Amino acid sequence: MTHGTQQSVKIETLTEAGKTVEGANCTLTNDRNGIVMRSGESVSVRRSGALLNIECTQPGLAPASGQAISRVNTGMVGNILIGGVLGAAIDSGTGAGFNYPSWMQLVFGEVRSFDRSGQTGDQALAGVRIGETRLAAPSVVPPPPTAIAVTPPPQVAPTPAPAPTPPVAEEKPAAPPVVAAVPPPTASAAPVVPQPAPRAAASGARVSMEDLGALLPAKP
């Protein structure tokens, strides 16, 4: 085994017009590790036979994305010649037998593929465009709701309950006037006219005819 498990990789970012943008935030990940760096710098990554995914972001620009394809390096070829299958298995298992491109140029708004086999020496590799990215739409914060003054309804005084109507006393028929019973007039007895007492005949007197006529009832 002639190579270590780490490799130095440089990342550059460009605009679509080809202007270099330094200091973009870049993330590099493969099946063995993840690294955060700034564009324009070099970083040590873990060698692997898997793809190295790269994404760089810069405010106001669409992301620059890429994927680096590793290839078998000369160390692994030597191990196969010297150690045979065992040496190759060791380099493959540790990732030491693979190299990524050492210098890659990503473009904002594009997805590019970088193949180690297309790199000459340690020169910058522009890669091949395989897609595009878009700038995320800014999140729109809705304005705060307008405060609406709520006018309370006018207070309505409760209507007093009507006073209960006193019951009307039932008029009783007037008692008939008491009429004093007047006893019927008592028929007054006709005054008794005292009859003249008969004259007593004088003893030894003489009764005349006139006296006898007075005793007789009058003729009708």
N, C-alpha and C. Protein backbone atom coordinates (compact mmCIF):
# COMPACT_ATOMS: atom_id res chain seq x y z
N MET A 1 0.86 -1.18 0.00
CA MET A 1 0.00 0.00 0.00
C MET A 1 0.89 1.23 0.00
N THR A 2 0.81 2.07 -1.03
CA THR A 2 1.71 3.20 -1.19
C THR A 2 1.07 4.54 -0.94
N HIS A 3 -0.26 4.60 -0.77
CA HIS A 3 -0.97 5.86 -0.52
C HIS A 3 -1.68 5.78 0.83
N GLY A 4 -1.86 6.98 1.44
CA GLY A 4 -2.62 7.03 2.68
C GLY A 4 -4.11 7.09 2.39
N THR A 5 -4.86 7.24 3.45
CA THR A 5 -6.33 7.26 3.28
C THR A 5 -6.87 8.68 3.10
N GLN A 6 -6.03 9.69 3.19
CA GLN A 6 -6.46 11.08 3.03
C GLN A 6 -5.92 11.66 1.73
N GLN A 7 -6.68 12.62 1.17
CA GLN A 7 -6.29 13.30 -0.07
C GLN A 7 -6.65 14.77 0.01
N SER A 8 -5.80 15.62 -0.53
CA SER A 8 -6.05 17.06 -0.56
C SER A 8 -6.88 17.41 -1.80
N VAL A 9 -7.96 18.18 -1.56
CA VAL A 9 -8.86 18.59 -2.65
C VAL A 9 -9.07 20.10 -2.56
N LYS A 10 -8.99 20.78 -3.72
CA LYS A 10 -9.25 22.23 -3.78
C LYS A 10 -10.55 22.47 -4.54
N ILE A 11 -11.39 23.39 -3.98
CA ILE A 11 -12.68 23.72 -4.60
C ILE A 11 -12.68 25.21 -4.94
N GLU A 12 -13.04 25.52 -6.20
CA GLU A 12 -13.23 26.90 -6.63
C GLU A 12 -14.68 27.06 -7.09
N THR A 13 -15.22 28.27 -6.94
CA THR A 13 -16.58 28.56 -7.40
C THR A 13 -16.53 29.75 -8.36
N LEU A 14 -17.32 29.66 -9.43
CA LEU A 14 -17.37 30.69 -10.47
C LEU A 14 -18.81 31.08 -10.74
N THR A 15 -19.00 32.30 -11.24
CA THR A 15 -20.31 32.70 -11.75
C THR A 15 -20.45 32.13 -13.16
N GLU A 16 -21.66 32.25 -13.73
CA GLU A 16 -21.87 31.76 -15.10
C GLU A 16 -21.02 32.53 -16.10
N ALA A 17 -20.64 33.76 -15.73
CA ALA A 17 -19.78 34.56 -16.61
C ALA A 17 -18.31 34.22 -16.45
N GLY A 18 -17.98 33.32 -15.51
CA GLY A 18 -16.60 32.89 -15.34
C GLY A 18 -15.84 33.66 -14.28
N LYS A 19 -16.53 34.52 -13.51
CA LYS A 19 -15.85 35.29 -12.47
C LYS A 19 -15.71 34.45 -11.21
N THR A 20 -14.50 34.46 -10.64
CA THR A 20 -14.24 33.65 -9.44
C THR A 20 -14.91 34.29 -8.22
N VAL A 21 -15.60 33.46 -7.43
CA VAL A 21 -16.23 33.90 -6.18
C VAL A 21 -15.58 33.12 -5.05
N GLU A 22 -14.87 33.81 -4.20
CA GLU A 22 -14.19 33.15 -3.09
C GLU A 22 -15.00 33.30 -1.81
N GLY A 23 -14.82 32.33 -0.93
CA GLY A 23 -15.47 32.40 0.38
C GLY A 23 -16.87 31.82 0.42
N ALA A 24 -17.32 31.18 -0.66
CA ALA A 24 -18.64 30.53 -0.62
C ALA A 24 -18.60 29.36 0.35
N ASN A 25 -19.72 29.08 0.96
CA ASN A 25 -19.80 27.98 1.93
C ASN A 25 -20.01 26.67 1.19
N CYS A 26 -19.06 25.73 1.35
CA CYS A 26 -19.12 24.46 0.61
C CYS A 26 -19.15 23.28 1.57
N THR A 27 -19.92 22.25 1.19
CA THR A 27 -20.00 21.01 1.94
C THR A 27 -19.59 19.85 1.05
N LEU A 28 -18.67 19.01 1.54
CA LEU A 28 -18.20 17.84 0.80
C LEU A 28 -18.54 16.60 1.61
N THR A 29 -19.20 15.64 0.98
CA THR A 29 -19.59 14.41 1.68
C THR A 29 -19.39 13.19 0.80
N ASN A 30 -18.96 12.10 1.43
CA ASN A 30 -18.94 10.79 0.78
C ASN A 30 -19.36 9.75 1.81
N ASP A 31 -19.11 8.48 1.51
CA ASP A 31 -19.57 7.44 2.42
C ASP A 31 -18.72 7.31 3.67
N ARG A 32 -17.65 8.11 3.78
CA ARG A 32 -16.75 7.98 4.92
C ARG A 32 -16.71 9.22 5.81
N ASN A 33 -16.99 10.40 5.28
CA ASN A 33 -16.93 11.60 6.12
C ASN A 33 -17.66 12.76 5.45
N GLY A 34 -17.82 13.85 6.19
CA GLY A 34 -18.40 15.09 5.69
C GLY A 34 -17.55 16.25 6.16
N ILE A 35 -17.33 17.22 5.28
CA ILE A 35 -16.44 18.35 5.59
C ILE A 35 -17.11 19.64 5.13
N VAL A 36 -16.93 20.71 5.92
CA VAL A 36 -17.41 22.04 5.55
C VAL A 36 -16.18 22.91 5.33
N MET A 37 -16.18 23.68 4.24
CA MET A 37 -15.02 24.51 3.90
C MET A 37 -15.48 25.76 3.15
N ARG A 38 -14.53 26.62 2.81
CA ARG A 38 -14.79 27.81 2.01
C ARG A 38 -14.16 27.63 0.63
N SER A 39 -14.88 28.09 -0.39
CA SER A 39 -14.32 27.97 -1.74
C SER A 39 -13.05 28.81 -1.86
N GLY A 40 -12.14 28.31 -2.70
CA GLY A 40 -10.84 28.95 -2.86
C GLY A 40 -9.79 28.33 -1.96
N GLU A 41 -10.20 27.40 -1.09
CA GLU A 41 -9.26 26.75 -0.19
C GLU A 41 -9.12 25.28 -0.55
N SER A 42 -8.12 24.62 0.07
CA SER A 42 -7.93 23.18 -0.08
C SER A 42 -8.25 22.51 1.24
N VAL A 43 -8.76 21.28 1.18
CA VAL A 43 -9.13 20.54 2.38
C VAL A 43 -8.77 19.08 2.19
N SER A 44 -8.52 18.40 3.29
CA SER A 44 -8.18 16.98 3.22
C SER A 44 -9.45 16.15 3.37
N VAL A 45 -9.71 15.26 2.42
CA VAL A 45 -10.90 14.41 2.44
C VAL A 45 -10.46 12.95 2.53
N ARG A 46 -11.35 12.10 2.97
CA ARG A 46 -11.07 10.67 3.06
C ARG A 46 -11.25 10.03 1.68
N ARG A 47 -10.25 9.29 1.28
CA ARG A 47 -10.33 8.60 -0.01
C ARG A 47 -11.44 7.54 0.03
N SER A 48 -12.08 7.32 -1.10
CA SER A 48 -13.14 6.32 -1.18
C SER A 48 -13.43 6.03 -2.64
N GLY A 49 -13.99 4.85 -2.87
CA GLY A 49 -14.43 4.52 -4.23
C GLY A 49 -15.80 5.09 -4.54
N ALA A 50 -16.47 5.70 -3.53
CA ALA A 50 -17.81 6.29 -3.73
C ALA A 50 -17.69 7.72 -4.24
N LEU A 51 -18.80 8.24 -4.71
CA LEU A 51 -18.83 9.62 -5.20
C LEU A 51 -18.59 10.59 -4.05
N LEU A 52 -17.95 11.72 -4.38
CA LEU A 52 -17.80 12.82 -3.43
C LEU A 52 -18.77 13.92 -3.87
N ASN A 53 -19.80 14.15 -3.08
CA ASN A 53 -20.81 15.15 -3.42
C ASN A 53 -20.40 16.51 -2.86
N ILE A 54 -20.53 17.54 -3.71
CA ILE A 54 -20.10 18.89 -3.35
C ILE A 54 -21.26 19.85 -3.60
N GLU A 55 -21.46 20.74 -2.65
CA GLU A 55 -22.46 21.81 -2.85
C GLU A 55 -21.95 23.08 -2.18
N CYS A 56 -21.96 24.17 -2.96
CA CYS A 56 -21.51 25.47 -2.47
C CYS A 56 -22.64 26.48 -2.61
N THR A 57 -22.78 27.32 -1.61
CA THR A 57 -23.85 28.33 -1.62
C THR A 57 -23.27 29.71 -1.35
N GLN A 58 -23.92 30.71 -1.96
CA GLN A 58 -23.53 32.10 -1.80
C GLN A 58 -24.80 32.94 -1.87
N PRO A 59 -25.00 33.88 -0.92
CA PRO A 59 -26.21 34.69 -0.95
C PRO A 59 -26.41 35.37 -2.30
N GLY A 60 -27.65 35.29 -2.79
CA GLY A 60 -28.01 35.93 -4.05
C GLY A 60 -27.72 35.11 -5.28
N LEU A 61 -27.12 33.92 -5.12
CA LEU A 61 -26.80 33.08 -6.28
C LEU A 61 -27.40 31.69 -6.10
N ALA A 62 -27.74 31.06 -7.23
CA ALA A 62 -28.21 29.68 -7.18
C ALA A 62 -27.05 28.78 -6.76
N PRO A 63 -27.30 27.69 -6.06
CA PRO A 63 -26.21 26.83 -5.58
C PRO A 63 -25.35 26.29 -6.73
N ALA A 64 -24.08 26.02 -6.39
CA ALA A 64 -23.16 25.35 -7.31
C ALA A 64 -22.96 23.94 -6.80
N SER A 65 -23.34 22.94 -7.58
CA SER A 65 -23.28 21.55 -7.13
C SER A 65 -22.39 20.73 -8.05
N GLY A 66 -21.83 19.67 -7.48
CA GLY A 66 -20.99 18.79 -8.29
C GLY A 66 -20.82 17.44 -7.64
N GLN A 67 -20.38 16.49 -8.41
CA GLN A 67 -20.05 15.17 -7.90
C GLN A 67 -18.72 14.73 -8.49
N ALA A 68 -17.82 14.31 -7.61
CA ALA A 68 -16.49 13.90 -8.05
C ALA A 68 -16.42 12.38 -8.11
N ILE A 69 -15.90 11.87 -9.22
CA ILE A 69 -15.77 10.43 -9.44
C ILE A 69 -14.31 10.05 -9.20
N SER A 70 -14.12 9.12 -8.27
CA SER A 70 -12.74 8.67 -7.97
C SER A 70 -12.33 7.54 -8.92
N ARG A 71 -11.04 7.43 -9.08
CA ARG A 71 -10.49 6.37 -9.93
C ARG A 71 -9.34 5.68 -9.20
N VAL A 72 -9.07 4.43 -9.60
CA VAL A 72 -7.98 3.66 -9.00
C VAL A 72 -6.66 4.36 -9.27
N ASN A 73 -5.89 4.53 -8.19
CA ASN A 73 -4.61 5.21 -8.35
C ASN A 73 -3.48 4.20 -8.63
N THR A 74 -2.31 4.74 -8.87
CA THR A 74 -1.16 3.88 -9.21
C THR A 74 -0.72 3.01 -8.04
N GLY A 75 -1.01 3.48 -6.81
CA GLY A 75 -0.63 2.69 -5.64
C GLY A 75 -1.38 1.37 -5.60
N MET A 76 -2.63 1.42 -5.95
CA MET A 76 -3.42 0.19 -5.92
C MET A 76 -2.96 -0.76 -7.02
N VAL A 77 -2.57 -0.21 -8.15
CA VAL A 77 -2.07 -1.04 -9.24
C VAL A 77 -0.79 -1.74 -8.80
N GLY A 78 0.07 -1.00 -8.09
CA GLY A 78 1.30 -1.60 -7.60
C GLY A 78 1.04 -2.68 -6.58
N ASN A 79 0.05 -2.44 -5.71
CA ASN A 79 -0.29 -3.45 -4.70
C ASN A 79 -0.81 -4.73 -5.35
N ILE A 80 -1.53 -4.57 -6.45
CA ILE A 80 -2.03 -5.76 -7.15
C ILE A 80 -0.84 -6.56 -7.70
N LEU A 81 0.16 -5.83 -8.23
CA LEU A 81 1.32 -6.51 -8.81
C LEU A 81 2.18 -7.14 -7.72
N ILE A 82 2.28 -6.44 -6.56
CA ILE A 82 3.16 -6.94 -5.51
C ILE A 82 2.42 -7.90 -4.58
N GLY A 83 1.25 -7.44 -4.07
CA GLY A 83 0.54 -8.23 -3.06
C GLY A 83 -0.59 -9.06 -3.60
N GLY A 84 -0.88 -8.91 -4.84
CA GLY A 84 -1.95 -9.70 -5.42
C GLY A 84 -3.33 -9.24 -4.94
N VAL A 85 -4.20 -10.19 -4.87
CA VAL A 85 -5.59 -9.90 -4.51
C VAL A 85 -5.67 -9.35 -3.09
N LEU A 86 -4.83 -9.82 -2.20
CA LEU A 86 -4.88 -9.36 -0.81
C LEU A 86 -4.54 -7.89 -0.72
N GLY A 87 -3.55 -7.46 -1.40
CA GLY A 87 -3.18 -6.04 -1.38
C GLY A 87 -4.27 -5.17 -1.97
N ALA A 88 -4.87 -5.63 -3.04
CA ALA A 88 -5.96 -4.88 -3.67
C ALA A 88 -7.16 -4.77 -2.75
N ALA A 89 -7.45 -5.85 -2.03
CA ALA A 89 -8.59 -5.83 -1.11
C ALA A 89 -8.36 -4.85 0.02
N ILE A 90 -7.11 -4.74 0.48
CA ILE A 90 -6.82 -3.80 1.57
C ILE A 90 -7.00 -2.37 1.09
N ASP A 91 -6.43 -2.04 -0.07
CA ASP A 91 -6.57 -0.68 -0.59
C ASP A 91 -8.02 -0.33 -0.90
N SER A 92 -8.78 -1.31 -1.37
CA SER A 92 -10.19 -1.06 -1.68
C SER A 92 -11.00 -0.86 -0.42
N GLY A 93 -10.70 -1.64 0.62
CA GLY A 93 -11.46 -1.54 1.86
C GLY A 93 -11.21 -0.25 2.60
N THR A 94 -9.97 0.24 2.56
CA THR A 94 -9.65 1.49 3.27
C THR A 94 -9.89 2.72 2.41
N GLY A 95 -10.05 2.53 1.11
CA GLY A 95 -10.22 3.65 0.20
C GLY A 95 -8.91 4.23 -0.27
N ALA A 96 -7.80 3.70 0.23
CA ALA A 96 -6.49 4.26 -0.12
C ALA A 96 -6.14 4.06 -1.58
N GLY A 97 -6.78 3.14 -2.25
CA GLY A 97 -6.47 2.86 -3.66
C GLY A 97 -7.20 3.76 -4.63
N PHE A 98 -7.90 4.82 -4.16
CA PHE A 98 -8.68 5.68 -5.06
C PHE A 98 -8.24 7.15 -4.91
N ASN A 99 -8.37 7.87 -6.01
CA ASN A 99 -8.09 9.32 -6.01
C ASN A 99 -9.29 10.08 -6.58
N TYR A 100 -9.63 11.22 -5.93
CA TYR A 100 -10.61 12.16 -6.49
C TYR A 100 -9.84 13.20 -7.31
N PRO A 101 -10.55 13.94 -8.15
CA PRO A 101 -9.87 15.07 -8.80
C PRO A 101 -9.34 16.01 -7.71
N SER A 102 -8.15 16.53 -7.91
CA SER A 102 -7.52 17.34 -6.86
C SER A 102 -7.90 18.81 -6.90
N TRP A 103 -8.49 19.26 -8.04
CA TRP A 103 -8.85 20.69 -8.16
C TRP A 103 -10.09 20.75 -9.05
N MET A 104 -11.20 21.24 -8.48
CA MET A 104 -12.46 21.29 -9.22
C MET A 104 -13.06 22.69 -9.19
N GLN A 105 -13.64 23.09 -10.33
CA GLN A 105 -14.26 24.42 -10.46
C GLN A 105 -15.77 24.25 -10.64
N LEU A 106 -16.52 24.69 -9.62
CA LEU A 106 -17.99 24.61 -9.68
C LEU A 106 -18.55 25.94 -10.16
N VAL A 107 -19.70 25.90 -10.82
CA VAL A 107 -20.35 27.10 -11.35
C VAL A 107 -21.71 27.26 -10.69
N PHE A 108 -21.98 28.47 -10.18
CA PHE A 108 -23.28 28.74 -9.55
C PHE A 108 -24.40 28.61 -10.58
N GLY A 109 -25.44 27.90 -10.19
CA GLY A 109 -26.58 27.67 -11.08
C GLY A 109 -26.46 26.40 -11.88
N GLU A 110 -25.36 25.62 -11.68
CA GLU A 110 -25.16 24.40 -12.47
C GLU A 110 -24.80 23.22 -11.57
N VAL A 111 -25.05 22.01 -12.13
CA VAL A 111 -24.59 20.76 -11.51
C VAL A 111 -23.55 20.18 -12.47
N ARG A 112 -22.33 19.89 -11.98
CA ARG A 112 -21.26 19.41 -12.84
C ARG A 112 -20.70 18.10 -12.31
N SER A 113 -20.21 17.28 -13.23
CA SER A 113 -19.58 16.01 -12.90
C SER A 113 -18.08 16.13 -13.17
N PHE A 114 -17.30 15.68 -12.18
CA PHE A 114 -15.84 15.77 -12.28
C PHE A 114 -15.25 14.35 -12.19
N ASP A 115 -14.63 13.90 -13.26
CA ASP A 115 -14.06 12.55 -13.32
C ASP A 115 -12.53 12.66 -13.23
N ARG A 116 -11.99 11.91 -12.28
CA ARG A 116 -10.55 11.94 -12.09
C ARG A 116 -9.80 11.57 -13.36
N SER A 117 -10.40 10.71 -14.16
CA SER A 117 -9.71 10.28 -15.39
C SER A 117 -9.59 11.42 -16.40
N GLY A 118 -10.39 12.49 -16.24
CA GLY A 118 -10.32 13.61 -17.18
C GLY A 118 -9.38 14.70 -16.73
N GLN A 119 -8.71 14.55 -15.60
CA GLN A 119 -7.80 15.57 -15.10
C GLN A 119 -6.37 15.26 -15.53
N THR A 120 -5.70 16.29 -16.01
CA THR A 120 -4.30 16.16 -16.40
C THR A 120 -3.42 16.73 -15.29
N GLY A 121 -2.68 15.89 -14.64
CA GLY A 121 -1.84 16.32 -13.53
C GLY A 121 -2.69 16.87 -12.42
N ASP A 122 -2.29 18.08 -11.92
CA ASP A 122 -3.05 18.72 -10.86
C ASP A 122 -3.70 20.02 -11.34
N GLN A 123 -3.99 20.11 -12.62
CA GLN A 123 -4.63 21.30 -13.17
C GLN A 123 -6.11 21.33 -12.77
N ALA A 124 -6.70 22.54 -12.82
CA ALA A 124 -8.11 22.71 -12.50
C ALA A 124 -8.97 21.95 -13.49
N LEU A 125 -9.99 21.30 -12.97
CA LEU A 125 -10.89 20.50 -13.80
C LEU A 125 -12.25 21.20 -13.83
N ALA A 126 -12.69 21.59 -15.05
CA ALA A 126 -13.96 22.30 -15.21
C ALA A 126 -15.14 21.35 -15.12
N GLY A 127 -14.93 20.09 -15.44
CA GLY A 127 -16.01 19.13 -15.38
C GLY A 127 -17.00 19.25 -16.51
N VAL A 128 -18.08 18.49 -16.43
CA VAL A 128 -19.12 18.46 -17.46
C VAL A 128 -20.45 18.83 -16.82
N ARG A 129 -21.14 19.75 -17.47
CA ARG A 129 -22.45 20.18 -16.94
C ARG A 129 -23.46 19.06 -17.14
N ILE A 130 -24.16 18.69 -16.04
CA ILE A 130 -25.18 17.62 -16.13
C ILE A 130 -26.55 18.08 -15.61
N GLY A 131 -26.64 19.32 -15.19
CA GLY A 131 -27.93 19.83 -14.69
C GLY A 131 -27.81 21.28 -14.28
N GLU A 132 -28.89 21.80 -13.69
CA GLU A 132 -28.89 23.18 -13.24
C GLU A 132 -29.58 23.29 -11.89
N THR A 133 -29.30 24.35 -11.21
CA THR A 133 -29.92 24.62 -9.90
C THR A 133 -30.65 25.95 -9.98
N ARG A 134 -31.51 26.17 -9.04
CA ARG A 134 -32.29 27.41 -9.00
C ARG A 134 -32.14 28.06 -7.64
N LEU A 135 -32.25 29.36 -7.67
CA LEU A 135 -32.20 30.12 -6.42
C LEU A 135 -33.50 29.94 -5.69
N ALA A 136 -33.40 29.57 -4.45
CA ALA A 136 -34.62 29.36 -3.66
C ALA A 136 -35.37 30.67 -3.53
N ALA A 137 -36.67 30.57 -3.70
CA ALA A 137 -37.51 31.77 -3.56
C ALA A 137 -37.44 32.27 -2.13
N PRO A 138 -37.29 33.57 -1.97
CA PRO A 138 -37.24 34.09 -0.59
C PRO A 138 -38.54 33.84 0.12
N SER A 139 -38.40 33.51 1.36
CA SER A 139 -39.60 33.27 2.16
C SER A 139 -40.29 34.60 2.41
N VAL A 140 -41.55 34.61 2.11
CA VAL A 140 -42.35 35.83 2.27
C VAL A 140 -43.01 35.79 3.63
N VAL A 141 -42.66 36.79 4.42
CA VAL A 141 -43.26 36.88 5.75
C VAL A 141 -44.54 37.70 5.63
N PRO A 142 -45.67 37.12 5.90
CA PRO A 142 -46.92 37.90 5.78
C PRO A 142 -46.92 39.06 6.75
N PRO A 143 -47.45 40.19 6.30
CA PRO A 143 -47.51 41.34 7.22
C PRO A 143 -48.40 41.02 8.39
N PRO A 144 -48.10 41.67 9.50
CA PRO A 144 -48.95 41.42 10.67
C PRO A 144 -50.38 41.87 10.40
N PRO A 145 -51.32 41.17 10.91
CA PRO A 145 -52.72 41.57 10.67
C PRO A 145 -53.01 42.95 11.22
N THR A 146 -53.78 43.69 10.44
CA THR A 146 -54.16 45.03 10.86
C THR A 146 -55.15 44.94 12.01
N ALA A 147 -54.79 45.70 13.03
CA ALA A 147 -55.67 45.70 14.20
C ALA A 147 -56.97 46.42 13.86
N ILE A 148 -58.05 45.81 14.11
CA ILE A 148 -59.37 46.38 13.84
C ILE A 148 -60.05 46.65 15.17
N ALA A 149 -60.37 47.93 15.35
CA ALA A 149 -61.04 48.29 16.61
C ALA A 149 -62.46 47.76 16.57
N VAL A 150 -62.79 47.07 17.56
CA VAL A 150 -64.13 46.49 17.66
C VAL A 150 -64.94 47.33 18.62
N THR A 151 -65.98 47.95 18.07
CA THR A 151 -66.84 48.79 18.91
C THR A 151 -67.87 47.91 19.58
N PRO A 152 -67.87 47.93 20.89
CA PRO A 152 -68.86 47.08 21.57
C PRO A 152 -70.26 47.59 21.30
N PRO A 153 -71.21 46.74 21.22
CA PRO A 153 -72.59 47.19 20.97
C PRO A 153 -73.08 48.04 22.13
N PRO A 154 -73.93 49.02 21.82
CA PRO A 154 -74.43 49.88 22.91
C PRO A 154 -75.19 49.06 23.95
N GLN A 155 -74.96 49.48 25.17
CA GLN A 155 -75.64 48.79 26.26
C GLN A 155 -77.11 49.22 26.30
N VAL A 156 -77.96 48.30 26.19
CA VAL A 156 -79.40 48.58 26.22
C VAL A 156 -79.91 48.26 27.61
N ALA A 157 -80.49 49.33 28.23
CA ALA A 157 -81.01 49.12 29.58
C ALA A 157 -82.16 48.12 29.51
N PRO A 158 -82.17 47.21 30.41
CA PRO A 158 -83.26 46.22 30.38
C PRO A 158 -84.61 46.87 30.65
N THR A 159 -85.60 46.47 29.89
CA THR A 159 -86.94 47.02 30.08
C THR A 159 -87.54 46.45 31.35
N PRO A 160 -87.95 47.37 32.26
CA PRO A 160 -88.51 46.84 33.51
C PRO A 160 -89.79 46.06 33.25
N ALA A 161 -89.93 45.05 34.00
CA ALA A 161 -91.13 44.23 33.86
C ALA A 161 -92.35 45.03 34.32
N PRO A 162 -93.44 44.92 33.59
CA PRO A 162 -94.63 45.68 34.00
C PRO A 162 -95.11 45.24 35.38
N ALA A 163 -95.56 46.25 36.14
CA ALA A 163 -96.05 45.95 37.48
C ALA A 163 -97.30 45.09 37.39
N PRO A 164 -97.39 44.16 38.25
CA PRO A 164 -98.58 43.29 38.18
C PRO A 164 -99.86 44.06 38.44
N THR A 165 -100.86 43.79 37.62
CA THR A 165 -102.15 44.47 37.76
C THR A 165 -102.91 43.86 38.93
N PRO A 166 -103.28 44.71 39.87
CA PRO A 166 -104.00 44.15 41.01
C PRO A 166 -105.33 43.56 40.56
N PRO A 167 -105.71 42.49 41.15
CA PRO A 167 -106.97 41.86 40.73
C PRO A 167 -108.15 42.78 41.00
N VAL A 168 -109.06 42.81 40.03
CA VAL A 168 -110.24 43.66 40.17
C VAL A 168 -111.26 42.93 41.05
N ALA A 169 -111.61 43.60 42.10
CA ALA A 169 -112.59 43.00 43.01
C ALA A 169 -113.94 42.85 42.31
N GLU A 170 -114.45 41.68 42.40
CA GLU A 170 -115.73 41.44 41.75
C GLU A 170 -116.82 42.24 42.48
N GLU A 171 -117.51 43.02 41.66
CA GLU A 171 -118.57 43.84 42.26
C GLU A 171 -119.75 42.95 42.63
N LYS A 172 -120.06 43.03 43.87
CA LYS A 172 -121.23 42.29 44.34
C LYS A 172 -122.47 43.14 44.18
N PRO A 173 -123.56 42.49 43.80
CA PRO A 173 -124.78 43.30 43.63
C PRO A 173 -125.17 43.95 44.96
N ALA A 174 -125.58 45.18 44.81
CA ALA A 174 -125.95 45.93 46.02
C ALA A 174 -127.14 45.26 46.70
N ALA A 175 -127.02 45.21 47.97
CA ALA A 175 -128.12 44.61 48.73
C ALA A 175 -129.37 45.49 48.60
N PRO A 176 -130.45 44.86 48.40
CA PRO A 176 -131.67 45.67 48.28
C PRO A 176 -131.91 46.47 49.57
N PRO A 177 -132.39 47.65 49.39
CA PRO A 177 -132.62 48.47 50.60
C PRO A 177 -133.62 47.79 51.54
N VAL A 178 -133.24 47.89 52.74
CA VAL A 178 -134.12 47.29 53.75
C VAL A 178 -135.35 48.18 53.93
N VAL A 179 -136.43 47.58 53.63
CA VAL A 179 -137.68 48.34 53.77
C VAL A 179 -138.33 47.92 55.09
N ALA A 180 -138.44 48.88 55.87
CA ALA A 180 -139.06 48.59 57.17
C ALA A 180 -140.51 48.16 56.96
N ALA A 181 -140.74 47.03 57.50
CA ALA A 181 -142.12 46.54 57.35
C ALA A 181 -143.06 47.40 58.18
N VAL A 182 -144.00 47.96 57.46
CA VAL A 182 -145.00 48.81 58.15
C VAL A 182 -146.23 47.94 58.39
N PRO A 183 -146.52 47.72 59.56
CA PRO A 183 -147.70 46.89 59.82
C PRO A 183 -148.93 47.53 59.24
N PRO A 184 -149.74 46.69 58.67
CA PRO A 184 -150.95 47.26 58.06
C PRO A 184 -151.75 48.03 59.11
N PRO A 185 -152.27 49.04 58.59
CA PRO A 185 -153.05 49.87 59.56
C PRO A 185 -154.16 49.03 60.21
N THR A 186 -154.14 49.15 61.41
CA THR A 186 -155.19 48.43 62.16
C THR A 186 -156.51 49.20 62.06
N ALA A 187 -157.46 48.48 61.63
CA ALA A 187 -158.77 49.17 61.49
C ALA A 187 -159.26 49.58 62.87
N SER A 188 -159.39 50.83 62.94
CA SER A 188 -159.85 51.36 64.26
C SER A 188 -161.34 51.07 64.42
N ALA A 189 -161.60 50.66 65.49
CA ALA A 189 -163.02 50.33 65.75
C ALA A 189 -163.84 51.59 65.72
N ALA A 190 -164.92 51.45 65.05
CA ALA A 190 -165.82 52.61 64.99
C ALA A 190 -166.19 53.01 66.40
N PRO A 191 -166.06 54.21 66.52
CA PRO A 191 -166.40 54.65 67.90
C PRO A 191 -167.83 54.24 68.26
N VAL A 192 -167.81 53.76 69.38
CA VAL A 192 -169.14 53.30 69.87
C VAL A 192 -169.91 54.52 70.36
N VAL A 193 -170.90 54.64 69.61
CA VAL A 193 -171.76 55.77 70.04
C VAL A 193 -172.66 55.26 71.15
N PRO A 194 -172.42 55.77 72.15
CA PRO A 194 -173.27 55.29 73.27
C PRO A 194 -174.72 55.54 72.96
N GLN A 195 -175.40 54.51 73.08
CA GLN A 195 -176.85 54.66 72.87
C GLN A 195 -177.45 55.30 74.11
N PRO A 196 -178.25 56.12 73.76
CA PRO A 196 -178.91 56.75 74.95
C PRO A 196 -179.70 55.70 75.77
N ALA A 197 -179.34 55.76 76.91
CA ALA A 197 -180.03 54.81 77.80
C ALA A 197 -181.51 55.05 77.73
N PRO A 198 -182.13 53.92 77.65
CA PRO A 198 -183.63 54.10 77.61
C PRO A 198 -184.06 54.75 78.88
N ARG A 199 -184.86 55.55 78.51
CA ARG A 199 -185.42 56.26 79.67
C ARG A 199 -186.29 55.32 80.46
N ALA A 200 -185.94 55.34 81.60
CA ALA A 200 -186.77 54.54 82.50
C ALA A 200 -188.13 55.18 82.64
N ALA A 201 -188.99 54.33 82.51
CA ALA A 201 -190.38 54.86 82.64
C ALA A 201 -190.61 55.25 84.07
N ALA A 202 -190.88 56.41 84.07
CA ALA A 202 -191.23 56.88 85.40
C ALA A 202 -192.38 56.12 85.92
N SER A 203 -191.98 55.65 86.97
CA SER A 203 -193.05 54.90 87.61
C SER A 203 -194.24 55.74 87.66
N GLY A 204 -195.08 55.17 87.11
CA GLY A 204 -196.38 55.79 87.14
C GLY A 204 -196.51 56.78 86.08
N ALA A 205 -195.28 56.85 85.06
CA ALA A 205 -195.41 57.84 84.00
C ALA A 205 -196.16 57.23 82.86
N ARG A 206 -196.42 58.02 82.04
CA ARG A 206 -197.26 57.70 80.91
C ARG A 206 -196.38 57.72 79.69
N VAL A 207 -196.49 56.51 78.76
CA VAL A 207 -195.69 56.45 77.54
C VAL A 207 -196.48 57.00 76.42
N SER A 208 -195.87 57.99 75.74
CA SER A 208 -196.61 58.62 74.66
C SER A 208 -196.24 57.88 73.37
N MET A 209 -196.83 58.20 72.31
CA MET A 209 -196.68 57.62 71.01
C MET A 209 -195.32 58.02 70.43
N GLU A 210 -194.88 59.20 70.71
CA GLU A 210 -193.61 59.68 70.22
C GLU A 210 -192.45 58.87 70.79
N ASP A 211 -192.61 58.50 71.96
CA ASP A 211 -191.58 57.68 72.56
C ASP A 211 -191.52 56.31 71.91
N LEU A 212 -192.61 55.79 71.59
CA LEU A 212 -192.67 54.50 70.95
C LEU A 212 -192.12 54.59 69.53
N GLY A 213 -192.34 55.67 68.87
CA GLY A 213 -191.81 55.85 67.50
C GLY A 213 -190.31 55.95 67.48
N ALA A 214 -189.78 56.50 68.48
CA ALA A 214 -188.33 56.63 68.51
C ALA A 214 -187.66 55.30 68.68
N LEU A 215 -188.29 54.34 69.26
CA LEU A 215 -187.74 53.03 69.47
C LEU A 215 -187.79 52.17 68.22
N LEU A 216 -188.67 52.51 67.30
CA LEU A 216 -188.83 51.73 66.09
C LEU A 216 -187.78 52.15 65.05
N PRO A 217 -187.30 51.20 64.24
CA PRO A 217 -186.33 51.60 63.20
C PRO A 217 -186.96 52.43 62.15
N ALA A 218 -186.12 53.30 61.55
CA ALA A 218 -186.66 54.23 60.56
C ALA A 218 -186.98 53.45 59.33
N LYS A 219 -187.90 53.89 58.61
CA LYS A 219 -188.36 53.25 57.39
C LYS A 219 -187.38 53.63 56.29
N PRO A 220 -187.11 52.69 55.40
CA PRO A 220 -186.23 53.01 54.28
C PRO A 220 -186.88 53.91 53.30
